[in-house]
Protein backbone atom coordinates (compact mmCIF):
# COMPACT_ATOMS: atom_id res chain seq x y z
CA MET A 1 -23.56 -1.84 8.39
CA THR A 2 -21.58 -4.34 6.33
CA THR A 3 -18.61 -3.22 4.23
CA ILE A 4 -17.70 -5.52 1.35
CA LEU A 5 -14.26 -5.47 -0.30
CA ARG A 6 -15.03 -7.07 -3.67
CA ASN A 7 -13.03 -8.25 -6.71
CA GLY A 8 -9.59 -7.95 -5.14
CA LEU A 9 -6.90 -10.62 -5.06
CA ILE A 10 -7.12 -11.72 -1.43
CA VAL A 11 -3.87 -12.82 0.18
CA THR A 12 -5.23 -14.35 3.36
CA MET A 13 -2.12 -15.51 5.27
CA ASN A 14 -4.38 -18.16 6.77
CA ARG A 15 -3.07 -21.61 7.70
CA ASP A 16 -3.23 -22.80 4.08
CA ARG A 17 -1.95 -19.46 2.76
CA ASP A 18 -4.95 -19.28 0.43
CA VAL A 19 -4.85 -16.66 -2.31
CA PHE A 20 -7.98 -16.10 -4.37
CA ARG A 21 -10.08 -13.50 -6.10
CA GLY A 22 -13.13 -12.90 -3.98
CA GLU A 23 -14.50 -10.69 -1.25
CA ILE A 24 -14.14 -9.77 2.39
CA HIS A 25 -17.16 -8.79 4.50
CA ILE A 26 -16.55 -6.54 7.49
CA GLU A 27 -19.28 -6.37 10.13
CA GLY A 28 -18.61 -4.33 13.23
CA ASP A 29 -15.02 -4.97 14.27
CA ARG A 30 -14.80 -8.44 12.70
CA ILE A 31 -14.30 -10.22 9.41
CA ALA A 32 -17.65 -11.91 8.81
CA TYR A 33 -16.76 -13.59 5.51
CA ALA A 34 -13.67 -14.24 3.41
CA GLY A 35 -14.35 -16.27 0.29
CA LYS A 36 -14.36 -16.64 -3.46
CA SER A 37 -18.10 -16.44 -4.08
CA ARG A 38 -20.36 -13.47 -3.74
CA LYS A 39 -22.28 -13.68 -0.51
CA PRO A 40 -25.60 -11.86 -0.19
CA ALA A 41 -25.56 -8.78 1.99
CA GLY A 42 -28.16 -6.34 3.21
CA ALA A 43 -29.42 -3.46 1.09
CA ASP A 44 -27.44 -1.01 3.18
CA ALA A 45 -24.12 -2.81 2.59
CA ARG A 46 -21.31 -0.64 1.30
CA VAL A 47 -19.36 -2.20 -1.56
CA ILE A 48 -15.78 -1.15 -2.38
CA ASP A 49 -14.54 -2.36 -5.75
CA CYS A 50 -11.00 -3.67 -5.24
CA SER A 51 -10.37 -4.65 -8.86
CA GLY A 52 -6.67 -4.33 -9.61
CA GLN A 53 -5.76 -4.45 -5.93
CA PHE A 54 -4.37 -6.88 -3.39
CA VAL A 55 -6.36 -7.30 -0.19
CA LEU A 56 -4.05 -8.13 2.74
CA PRO A 57 -4.02 -8.36 6.50
CA GLY A 58 -2.84 -5.09 7.99
CA LEU A 59 0.91 -4.93 8.46
CA ILE A 60 2.24 -5.13 12.02
CA GLN A 61 5.33 -3.25 13.20
CA ALA A 62 6.52 -4.71 16.49
CA HIS A 63 9.19 -2.09 17.23
CA VAL A 64 8.78 1.66 16.66
CA HIS A 65 9.44 4.93 18.51
CA LEU A 66 6.66 7.45 17.84
CA CYS A 67 8.40 9.90 20.15
CA GLN A 68 11.27 10.21 17.65
CA ALA A 69 9.28 11.04 14.51
CA LEU A 70 10.08 14.77 14.77
CA PHE A 71 13.84 14.06 14.73
CA ARG A 72 13.96 12.49 11.27
CA GLY A 73 16.99 13.72 9.35
CA ASP A 74 18.65 15.19 12.44
CA ALA A 75 20.65 12.14 13.54
CA ASP A 76 22.24 10.74 10.40
CA ASP A 77 25.64 9.06 10.02
CA LEU A 78 26.27 7.98 13.61
CA SER A 79 26.78 4.66 15.38
CA LEU A 80 24.17 3.52 17.91
CA LEU A 81 25.62 4.75 21.20
CA ASP A 82 26.80 8.07 19.75
CA TRP A 83 23.43 8.44 18.02
CA LEU A 84 21.67 8.02 21.36
CA LYS A 85 23.99 10.12 23.53
CA LYS A 86 24.67 12.99 21.14
CA ARG A 87 21.31 13.33 19.44
CA ILE A 88 18.33 11.18 20.49
CA TRP A 89 18.46 11.48 24.27
CA PRO A 90 18.85 15.29 24.21
CA PHE A 91 16.03 15.50 21.65
CA GLU A 92 13.72 13.28 23.72
CA ASN A 93 14.55 15.30 26.81
CA ALA A 94 13.43 18.47 25.01
CA HIS A 95 9.92 17.11 24.39
CA THR A 96 6.91 18.79 25.92
CA ALA A 97 3.51 17.17 26.00
CA PRO A 98 2.40 19.08 22.84
CA SER A 99 5.54 18.17 20.89
CA LEU A 100 5.22 14.52 21.89
CA ARG A 101 1.60 14.49 20.72
CA ALA A 102 2.66 16.05 17.42
CA SER A 103 5.44 13.48 16.98
CA ALA A 104 3.07 10.60 17.69
CA MET A 105 0.44 11.86 15.28
CA ILE A 106 2.73 12.41 12.30
CA GLY A 107 4.25 8.97 12.89
CA VAL A 108 0.84 7.32 13.11
CA LEU A 109 -0.34 9.18 10.00
CA GLU A 110 2.64 7.95 8.01
CA MET A 111 2.27 4.36 9.13
CA GLN A 112 -1.49 4.14 8.69
CA LYS A 113 -1.30 5.60 5.19
CA SER A 114 1.37 3.04 4.29
CA GLY A 115 -0.57 0.03 5.56
CA THR A 116 0.54 -0.49 9.17
CA THR A 117 -2.43 -1.28 11.39
CA ALA A 118 -0.77 -2.37 14.66
CA ILE A 119 2.41 -1.26 16.43
CA LEU A 120 4.50 -2.00 19.49
CA ASP A 121 5.91 1.37 20.50
CA MET A 122 8.43 2.59 23.05
CA GLY A 123 7.70 6.04 24.42
CA THR A 124 10.17 8.37 25.99
CA VAL A 125 10.66 8.94 29.71
CA LYS A 126 8.33 11.93 30.09
CA HIS A 127 4.79 12.88 29.02
CA THR A 128 3.58 9.30 28.46
CA GLN A 129 0.01 10.33 29.22
CA ALA A 130 0.06 12.73 26.24
CA LEU A 131 1.44 9.98 24.00
CA LEU A 132 -1.24 7.46 24.98
CA GLU A 133 -4.01 10.02 24.62
CA ALA A 134 -2.79 10.89 21.12
CA VAL A 135 -2.69 7.30 19.89
CA SER A 136 -6.00 6.46 21.54
CA GLY A 137 -7.71 8.96 19.24
CA SER A 138 -5.88 7.89 16.10
CA GLY A 139 -7.53 4.55 15.42
CA MET A 140 -4.17 2.73 15.53
CA ARG A 141 -3.96 -0.66 17.26
CA TYR A 142 -1.29 0.07 19.83
CA TRP A 143 0.90 -1.58 22.41
CA GLY A 144 3.41 0.61 24.24
CA GLY A 145 4.25 2.74 27.23
CA LYS A 146 6.71 4.83 29.19
CA CYS A 147 10.42 4.29 28.57
CA LEU A 148 12.40 3.50 31.72
CA MET A 149 16.02 4.60 32.28
CA ASP A 150 17.44 4.77 35.81
CA LEU A 151 21.18 4.00 35.59
CA LYS A 152 22.82 7.34 36.34
CA SER A 153 26.06 6.62 34.50
CA ALA A 154 24.38 5.60 31.23
CA SER A 155 21.07 7.43 30.82
CA GLY A 156 22.15 10.97 29.97
CA PRO A 157 19.51 13.63 30.61
CA LEU A 158 16.68 11.07 30.68
CA ARG A 159 17.70 9.35 33.92
CA GLU A 160 14.97 9.04 36.57
CA LYS A 161 15.04 7.77 40.11
CA THR A 162 14.04 4.10 40.13
CA ALA A 163 11.19 4.55 42.59
CA ASP A 164 9.71 7.45 40.60
CA ALA A 165 9.89 5.53 37.32
CA LEU A 166 8.23 2.47 38.83
CA LYS A 167 5.44 4.42 40.50
CA GLU A 168 4.52 6.26 37.31
CA THR A 169 4.62 3.01 35.37
CA GLU A 170 2.32 1.22 37.79
CA ASP A 171 -0.09 4.17 37.76
CA LEU A 172 -0.17 4.14 33.96
CA VAL A 173 -0.73 0.37 33.86
CA ARG A 174 -3.75 0.71 36.14
CA GLU A 175 -5.19 3.68 34.27
CA TRP A 176 -4.85 2.23 30.77
CA ARG A 177 -5.70 -1.40 31.51
CA ASP A 178 -9.25 -1.13 30.15
CA LYS A 179 -9.43 2.48 28.98
CA ASN A 180 -9.37 1.94 25.20
CA GLU A 181 -9.90 -1.36 23.39
CA LEU A 182 -7.14 -0.53 20.90
CA VAL A 183 -4.50 0.47 23.48
CA GLU A 184 -2.63 -2.15 25.52
CA TYR A 185 0.08 -1.03 27.92
CA ALA A 186 3.58 -2.50 27.55
CA LEU A 187 6.49 -2.17 29.97
CA CYS A 188 9.42 -0.48 28.24
CA PRO A 189 12.80 -0.66 29.99
CA ARG A 190 15.00 0.86 27.29
CA PHE A 191 17.88 -1.60 27.42
CA ALA A 192 20.30 -3.17 29.86
CA VAL A 193 22.84 -0.39 29.20
CA SER A 194 20.69 2.24 30.95
CA CYS A 195 18.61 0.20 33.40
CA THR A 196 19.68 -1.00 36.83
CA LYS A 197 19.29 -4.63 37.80
CA GLY A 198 16.69 -3.61 40.36
CA LEU A 199 14.55 -1.90 37.75
CA MET A 200 14.77 -4.86 35.38
CA GLU A 201 13.79 -7.25 38.17
CA ALA A 202 10.85 -4.99 39.01
CA MET A 203 9.74 -5.22 35.36
CA VAL A 204 9.80 -9.01 35.55
CA ASP A 205 7.68 -8.94 38.69
CA LEU A 206 5.21 -6.44 37.24
CA GLN A 207 4.92 -8.45 34.03
CA ALA A 208 4.08 -11.57 36.01
CA ARG A 209 1.45 -9.74 38.08
CA GLU A 210 -0.22 -7.93 35.19
CA ARG A 211 0.43 -10.43 32.35
CA ILE A 212 1.54 -7.65 30.01
CA LEU A 213 4.33 -7.32 27.49
CA ILE A 214 7.86 -6.21 28.21
CA HIS A 215 9.41 -4.36 25.26
CA THR A 216 13.17 -3.77 25.26
CA HIS A 217 16.28 -3.60 23.08
CA ALA A 218 19.14 -6.09 23.17
CA SER A 219 22.26 -7.02 21.20
CA GLU A 220 21.76 -4.30 18.62
CA SER A 221 25.41 -3.28 18.23
CA LYS A 222 28.75 -4.75 19.27
CA ASP A 223 29.50 -1.70 21.42
CA GLU A 224 26.21 -2.16 23.28
CA VAL A 225 26.91 -5.86 23.87
CA ALA A 226 30.36 -4.99 25.18
CA ALA A 227 28.96 -2.32 27.52
CA VAL A 228 26.52 -4.79 29.05
CA LYS A 229 29.22 -7.43 29.43
CA ARG A 230 31.56 -4.99 31.19
CA ARG A 231 28.90 -4.17 33.76
CA THR A 232 27.22 -7.55 34.23
CA GLY A 233 29.79 -10.11 33.13
CA ARG A 234 27.27 -11.59 30.70
CA ASP A 235 26.24 -11.27 27.08
CA ASN A 236 23.13 -9.18 26.62
CA VAL A 237 20.40 -11.79 26.27
CA ASP A 238 22.15 -14.09 28.75
CA TYR A 239 21.88 -11.26 31.26
CA LEU A 240 18.15 -10.84 30.57
CA ASP A 241 17.74 -14.58 31.00
CA SER A 242 19.50 -14.44 34.38
CA LEU A 243 16.83 -11.96 35.49
CA GLY A 244 13.99 -14.24 34.38
CA MET A 245 12.98 -11.92 31.57
CA LEU A 246 12.95 -14.40 28.67
CA ASN A 247 9.41 -15.58 27.96
CA GLU A 248 6.76 -15.33 25.26
CA LYS A 249 5.58 -11.94 26.57
CA THR A 250 8.99 -10.24 26.38
CA VAL A 251 9.64 -8.70 22.97
CA ILE A 252 13.30 -8.03 22.18
CA ALA A 253 14.18 -5.61 19.39
CA HIS A 254 17.19 -6.18 17.12
CA GLY A 255 19.24 -9.18 18.31
CA VAL A 256 21.82 -8.55 15.61
CA HIS A 257 24.64 -10.11 17.63
CA LEU A 258 23.12 -13.07 19.46
CA THR A 259 25.35 -15.98 20.36
CA LYS A 260 24.20 -19.47 19.43
CA GLY A 261 23.39 -20.11 23.07
CA GLU A 262 21.32 -16.95 23.32
CA THR A 263 19.48 -17.86 20.12
CA ASN A 264 18.59 -21.25 21.56
CA LYS A 265 17.45 -19.71 24.85
CA MET A 266 15.13 -17.34 23.03
CA ALA A 267 13.73 -20.15 20.91
CA ARG A 268 13.14 -22.47 23.88
CA SER A 269 11.47 -19.75 25.93
CA GLY A 270 9.33 -18.48 23.07
CA THR A 271 10.81 -14.98 23.39
CA PRO A 272 10.00 -12.98 20.23
CA LEU A 273 12.64 -11.05 18.28
CA VAL A 274 11.91 -7.97 16.16
CA HIS A 275 14.12 -7.41 13.13
CA CYS A 276 14.66 -3.79 12.03
CA PRO A 277 16.86 -4.03 8.92
CA SER A 278 16.85 -0.38 7.83
CA SER A 279 17.86 0.80 11.28
CA ASN A 280 20.58 -1.83 11.62
CA LEU A 281 22.03 -0.75 8.27
CA LYS A 282 21.83 3.00 8.87
CA LEU A 283 23.50 2.79 12.28
CA ALA A 284 26.05 0.27 10.93
CA SER A 285 24.99 -2.13 13.69
CA GLY A 286 25.19 -5.17 11.41
CA ILE A 287 22.91 -7.62 9.61
CA ALA A 288 20.98 -10.02 11.81
CA PRO A 289 21.04 -13.63 10.53
CA ILE A 290 17.27 -13.87 10.38
CA GLN A 291 17.19 -17.04 8.30
CA ALA A 292 19.25 -18.81 10.98
CA TYR A 293 16.95 -17.46 13.68
CA VAL A 294 13.86 -18.68 11.84
CA ASP A 295 15.50 -22.08 11.32
CA ALA A 296 16.27 -22.21 15.05
CA GLY A 297 12.60 -21.69 15.85
CA LEU A 298 12.60 -18.07 16.96
CA LYS A 299 9.42 -16.05 16.67
CA VAL A 300 10.47 -13.19 14.38
CA ALA A 301 8.55 -9.98 13.64
CA LEU A 302 9.49 -6.77 11.81
CA GLY A 303 9.67 -3.09 12.69
CA SER A 304 10.98 0.16 11.27
CA ASP A 305 12.39 1.35 14.63
CA GLY A 306 12.54 5.14 15.07
CA ALA A 307 12.37 7.55 12.17
CA PRO A 308 15.84 9.08 12.84
CA CYS A 309 17.60 5.72 12.39
CA ASN A 310 15.57 4.81 9.32
CA ASN A 311 14.05 7.97 7.84
CA SER A 312 11.00 5.96 6.80
CA MET A 313 8.34 4.07 8.74
CA ASP A 314 7.14 2.09 5.72
CA ALA A 315 6.74 -1.61 6.55
CA PHE A 316 7.04 -2.55 2.87
CA ILE A 317 10.65 -1.35 2.91
CA GLU A 318 11.38 -3.52 5.94
CA MET A 319 9.86 -6.59 4.26
CA ARG A 320 11.93 -6.07 1.13
CA LEU A 321 15.19 -5.59 3.00
CA THR A 322 14.48 -8.56 5.27
CA ALA A 323 14.24 -10.84 2.25
CA LEU A 324 17.15 -9.37 0.31
CA LEU A 325 19.70 -9.14 3.11
CA GLN A 326 19.57 -12.83 3.96
CA LYS A 327 20.44 -14.03 0.46
CA PRO A 328 24.14 -13.10 0.25
CA ARG A 329 24.82 -15.02 3.47
CA PHE A 330 22.42 -17.97 3.20
CA GLY A 331 21.91 -18.32 -0.55
CA PRO A 332 19.34 -17.18 -3.13
CA GLU A 333 16.60 -19.42 -1.74
CA ALA A 334 16.84 -17.93 1.76
CA LEU A 335 13.89 -16.04 3.21
CA PRO A 336 11.55 -15.99 0.21
CA ALA A 337 8.99 -13.23 -0.28
CA ARG A 338 6.16 -15.23 1.29
CA THR A 339 8.17 -15.64 4.49
CA ALA A 340 8.91 -11.91 4.57
CA LEU A 341 5.17 -11.17 4.34
CA GLU A 342 4.53 -13.73 7.08
CA LEU A 343 6.96 -11.91 9.38
CA ALA A 344 5.19 -8.60 8.71
CA THR A 345 1.74 -10.03 9.48
CA LEU A 346 1.54 -13.28 11.44
CA GLY A 347 5.03 -12.77 12.83
CA GLY A 348 4.01 -9.49 14.37
CA ALA A 349 0.77 -10.98 15.68
CA ARG A 350 2.68 -13.83 17.35
CA ALA A 351 5.16 -11.42 18.92
CA LEU A 352 2.29 -9.44 20.42
CA GLY A 353 0.43 -12.52 21.63
CA ALA A 354 -2.43 -11.63 19.30
CA GLU A 355 -2.29 -14.32 16.59
CA ASP A 356 -5.84 -15.39 17.48
CA ARG A 357 -7.08 -11.86 16.72
CA ILE A 358 -4.98 -10.32 13.93
CA GLY A 359 -2.37 -11.18 11.30
CA SER A 360 -4.52 -12.99 8.75
CA LEU A 361 -7.81 -12.57 6.90
CA GLU A 362 -10.11 -15.18 8.43
CA GLU A 363 -13.72 -15.19 9.53
CA GLY A 364 -14.02 -14.17 13.17
CA LYS A 365 -10.73 -12.28 13.33
CA LEU A 366 -10.59 -8.57 13.94
CA ALA A 367 -10.96 -6.55 10.75
CA ASP A 368 -7.48 -5.11 10.26
CA VAL A 369 -7.41 -5.07 6.46
CA ILE A 370 -5.56 -3.11 3.79
CA THR A 371 -5.85 -2.86 0.03
CA VAL A 372 -2.82 -2.28 -2.19
CA ASP A 373 -3.03 -0.94 -5.72
CA ARG A 374 -1.19 -3.00 -8.32
CA SER A 375 -1.42 -0.65 -11.29
CA HIS A 376 2.01 0.97 -11.00
CA PRO A 377 4.36 -0.12 -13.80
CA SER A 378 6.67 -1.75 -11.25
CA VAL A 379 3.86 -4.04 -10.09
CA ALA A 380 1.32 -4.33 -12.88
CA THR A 381 2.86 -7.27 -14.74
CA VAL A 382 3.88 -9.35 -11.69
CA GLU A 383 1.66 -12.41 -11.32
CA ASN A 384 3.16 -13.87 -8.13
CA PRO A 385 1.39 -11.91 -5.38
CA TYR A 386 4.10 -12.43 -2.75
CA SER A 387 6.82 -11.27 -5.11
CA ALA A 388 4.76 -8.26 -6.13
CA ILE A 389 3.94 -7.22 -2.56
CA VAL A 390 7.41 -7.67 -1.08
CA TYR A 391 9.72 -6.73 -3.94
CA SER A 392 7.67 -4.28 -6.03
CA CYS A 393 5.08 -2.53 -3.86
CA SER A 394 5.62 0.28 -1.39
CA GLY A 395 3.50 1.96 1.24
CA ARG A 396 2.48 4.59 -1.28
CA ASP A 397 0.51 1.93 -3.16
CA VAL A 398 -1.85 1.46 -0.20
CA ARG A 399 -5.39 2.61 -1.00
CA ASP A 400 -7.69 1.60 1.86
CA VAL A 401 -7.01 0.74 5.50
CA PHE A 402 -9.41 -0.69 8.06
CA ILE A 403 -8.48 -1.13 11.73
CA ASN A 404 -10.89 -2.93 14.04
CA GLY A 405 -13.48 -2.59 11.27
CA ARG A 406 -13.18 1.19 11.13
CA GLU A 407 -12.17 2.83 7.87
CA ILE A 408 -8.93 4.70 8.57
CA VAL A 409 -7.67 5.44 5.04
CA ARG A 410 -9.99 5.86 2.06
CA ASP A 411 -8.50 5.88 -1.43
CA GLY A 412 -5.12 6.99 -0.14
CA ARG A 413 -6.34 9.78 2.14
CA HIS A 414 -6.90 9.59 5.86
CA ALA A 415 -10.58 9.19 6.60
CA PHE A 416 -10.81 11.47 9.64
CA LEU A 417 -7.46 13.12 10.42
CA ASP A 418 -6.75 16.47 8.78
CA GLU A 419 -3.44 15.53 7.16
CA GLY A 420 -2.41 19.11 6.48
CA ALA A 421 -3.09 20.11 10.08
CA VAL A 422 -1.11 17.13 11.43
CA VAL A 423 1.89 18.02 9.27
CA ALA A 424 1.71 21.74 10.01
CA ASN A 425 1.50 21.12 13.75
CA ALA A 426 4.46 18.73 13.58
CA LYS A 427 6.52 21.38 11.82
CA ARG A 428 5.65 24.00 14.45
CA GLU A 429 6.39 21.70 17.37
CA ARG A 430 9.62 20.50 15.81
CA ALA A 431 10.86 24.06 15.39
CA ALA A 432 9.95 24.85 18.99
CA LEU A 433 11.68 21.68 20.23
CA MET A 434 14.88 22.55 18.38
CA ARG A 435 14.90 25.96 20.05
CA ARG A 436 14.76 24.23 23.46
CA LEU A 437 17.95 22.23 22.86
């Protein structure tokens, strides 16, 4: 059956950045038509009237932690390393398979309802199978996997033996390679602070063999950079480069404190960077000079990071902050709204190596499409679509969401998840987890 999104203002993010009033035809998992004129469709076609709405590519968050969604509000007002050691690592260690499933589902529900259609996630050390099973039934387009932490002196209660961590990872890679078309496994060494050199080198080897993503953190805070330098003698990204980890399939989150040399190395190697402005502000990690990184040729994507260092997983908030935070440093013309939207769509697709499949509304691409209502007083009079989307809209304006051609959100409500049951289960599992601490 064909689904037609008709009469909306279509913001394509295609090569020419075309914006027009028209219609999108979804057939199976693909966009079959994106144009201004009405195209005939079969008698059984379903038509959704998108008058008064923007029609956009689904938003892509290239750094999140679904495993942390239950901890929102329980780790405020701390710097990064204290936040991890005093709160997040003990919380993650207290997860059971049911609580991790509950955390994943409430995180996915929030993001899907607010227009995110693809994520790069980092799990926790335990119960990865439960996490992947949860997301595989959610309809979310997902990259992610087991978190790895094997350095005894800097992994807290989550430390695993290197051999055990590697064996489980390799088993999971094999099992999930072709198990679900929406789930792609990613290797997730947490960061250089808590991973031995041997484990990081093993990740590089496994990436080369399997041609899969590595997802890690680097240069988020000054304390983290200093810790890595004390142990390795190198700055954070320089250390990753010495291991052979910089390449277009290694996604580095944060990069707030890159040196000029590290910036150039990432640009030359095609290594993507994910900017998480809310998290960097809340943890007082700093403000990444994203305009300078873009000018240097870095591939930049956006993410909300984990809920406890953000308290929201709304990609619209990250777009807005990305644009606004660059202006005091680089001037009022820095990082305009259109660029912010590019980072949240095409930028994410490039980081994930999926630009040929997602990130724009074009015929033949996978049908990850959202509609955004523009009737709210904060949006209704704004004619510039990029300005309206980035500066005035929020995730609560999202009306319809399609992922891989499947309707996920219909008129603001999830199409197949019982929202009340997801929330109630998350509350129960959160209370049980807190009792285990």
